Amino acid sequence: MPPAPRLRRLARHRLAALSCALLAACTDAPIDWTGSSSVGAPPGTPVAITAAGAVTTDTLASLARQVTPPAGSVCPGSLRLARAGRALYAVW
């Protein structure tokens, strides 16, 4: 195939991709941002935000303080816990 038709086709694909990107950028935001809010928990109390946006006590924070890290040099602040049903997963 000669280079000219190939370049025209490439230009059409780039134009289509750019058009799609611009259309996607101009849609409404998927999240309705509201004003700031504060939590009435005492300082130092670990809190979590539920999927519905409610603020609750972080039950995994107390568990994180009791987990023994693996051997080697790990940063205690890098512990991440995730619950899936009755299983609990930890990663450093």
Protein backbone atom coordinates (compact mmCIF):
# COMPACT_ATOMS: atom_id res chain seq x y z
CA MET A 1 0.00 0.00 0.00
CA PRO A 2 1.44 3.41 -0.91
CA PRO A 3 2.28 5.66 2.04
CA ALA A 4 -0.29 8.39 1.25
CA PRO A 5 -3.47 6.28 1.75
CA ARG A 6 -1.96 4.72 4.87
CA LEU A 7 -1.21 8.17 6.30
CA ARG A 8 -4.73 9.39 5.50
CA ARG A 9 -6.23 6.35 7.24
CA LEU A 10 -3.96 6.92 10.26
CA ALA A 11 -5.03 10.58 10.35
CA ARG A 12 -8.73 9.55 10.30
CA HIS A 13 -8.17 7.13 13.18
CA ARG A 14 -6.37 9.79 15.20
CA LEU A 15 -9.15 12.29 14.49
CA ALA A 16 -11.78 9.76 15.60
CA ALA A 17 -9.83 8.98 18.79
CA LEU A 18 -9.39 12.67 19.55
CA SER A 19 -13.11 13.32 18.98
CA CYS A 20 -14.05 10.50 21.37
CA ALA A 21 -11.66 11.81 24.00
CA LEU A 22 -13.07 15.33 23.73
CA LEU A 23 -16.66 14.08 23.97
CA ALA A 24 -15.83 12.00 27.03
CA ALA A 25 -14.10 14.95 28.68
CA CYS A 26 -17.19 17.13 28.26
CA THR A 27 -19.65 14.83 30.03
CA ASP A 28 -20.92 15.42 33.54
CA ALA A 29 -18.75 14.31 36.45
CA PRO A 30 -19.68 10.83 37.74
CA ILE A 31 -19.55 12.11 41.33
CA ASP A 32 -21.64 14.89 42.84
CA TRP A 33 -19.11 16.77 44.95
CA THR A 34 -20.59 18.55 47.93
CA GLY A 35 -19.13 20.94 50.43
CA SER A 36 -16.57 19.82 52.96
CA SER A 37 -17.65 17.97 56.07
CA SER A 38 -15.99 17.13 59.35
CA VAL A 39 -15.99 14.14 61.64
CA GLY A 40 -16.98 14.49 65.28
CA ALA A 41 -14.69 11.67 66.45
CA PRO A 42 -12.12 12.38 69.18
CA PRO A 43 -8.56 12.97 67.93
CA GLY A 44 -6.69 9.74 67.34
CA THR A 45 -9.85 7.69 66.78
CA PRO A 46 -9.55 5.76 63.51
CA VAL A 47 -12.51 6.34 61.20
CA ALA A 48 -13.58 4.87 57.88
CA ILE A 49 -16.00 5.98 55.19
CA THR A 50 -18.56 3.45 53.97
CA ALA A 51 -19.58 3.08 50.33
CA ALA A 52 -22.71 5.09 51.14
CA GLY A 53 -20.57 7.97 52.47
CA ALA A 54 -21.27 7.47 56.18
CA VAL A 55 -18.42 7.88 58.64
CA THR A 56 -17.94 4.93 61.02
CA THR A 57 -15.33 3.64 63.42
CA ASP A 58 -12.55 1.79 61.57
CA THR A 59 -12.72 -1.75 62.96
CA LEU A 60 -9.68 -2.87 60.98
CA ALA A 61 -7.45 -0.23 62.61
CA SER A 62 -7.52 -1.97 65.98
CA LEU A 63 -6.72 -5.26 64.26
CA ALA A 64 -3.81 -3.68 62.38
CA ARG A 65 -2.16 -2.81 65.69
CA GLN A 66 -2.26 -6.49 66.69
CA VAL A 67 -0.90 -8.02 63.47
CA THR A 68 2.71 -9.20 63.58
CA PRO A 69 4.63 -8.01 60.51
CA PRO A 70 6.71 -10.46 58.49
CA ALA A 71 10.43 -10.85 59.15
CA GLY A 72 12.65 -8.28 57.49
CA SER A 73 12.52 -4.55 57.27
CA VAL A 74 8.96 -3.41 56.64
CA CYS A 75 7.38 -0.08 57.37
CA PRO A 76 4.57 -0.52 59.93
CA GLY A 77 2.63 2.28 58.25
CA SER A 78 2.50 0.40 54.95
CA LEU A 79 0.23 -2.38 56.28
CA ARG A 80 -3.00 -2.67 54.30
CA LEU A 81 -5.86 -4.92 55.40
CA ALA A 82 -8.83 -6.00 53.33
CA ARG A 83 -11.80 -8.08 54.38
CA ALA A 84 -13.57 -10.42 51.96
CA GLY A 85 -16.41 -12.25 53.66
CA ARG A 86 -14.88 -14.06 56.62
CA ALA A 87 -11.31 -13.88 55.24
CA LEU A 88 -8.88 -11.12 56.11
CA TYR A 89 -5.97 -10.29 53.83
CA ALA A 90 -2.89 -8.28 54.80
CA VAL A 91 -0.10 -6.90 52.65
CA TRP A 92 2.94 -4.77 53.39
